[in-house]
């Protein structure tokens, strides 16, 4: 027994289903198939998608609007979000590191040793009043160029600005 595979197809004019050219009825909706239109292309090949420049602009604007709506809804309110926090990778506090890099004698000599957990003192929303504190031990060069070990207590306000730096005394 020999089986011959026919690669030509007929598409149903009612439901668009692809049928073999030898079929008389559509296999899905039982509509009579016209054998005069034998095609190897799909119905979508016959109608290319033409989108004008205006259509593309509208599509891009709609995508941008959807993006902003969904991303703004996921943002936390800055009133409830803690500004001063320990980095999850190395426990550092970015505001303290920035302060040290701007105020050390030799910022390139800065080497962190340890960080305490950020402690929230209060909920004061007034600039200049300490709201957070963190202890940090680090090595850096002093004014004479010698490496020294320092341990400081940093106090920060609600904006994350440093308002007080003191030596940490045990």
Foldseek 3Di string as FASTA:
>chain_A
DDDDDDQKWFADPPPRDTHRLPDQADPPPRHGTDSVDIDNDGPCVVPDDDDDPVRVVVVVVVVVVVVCVVVVVPDDDLLPDQPWFADPPAGDTVQVLVVCCVPAPDSVFKDWDDKDGKDADDSDPDPLDFGIKIKTWIWGAHPVRDIDIFIWIWTAHRNRHTNDIDGDDD
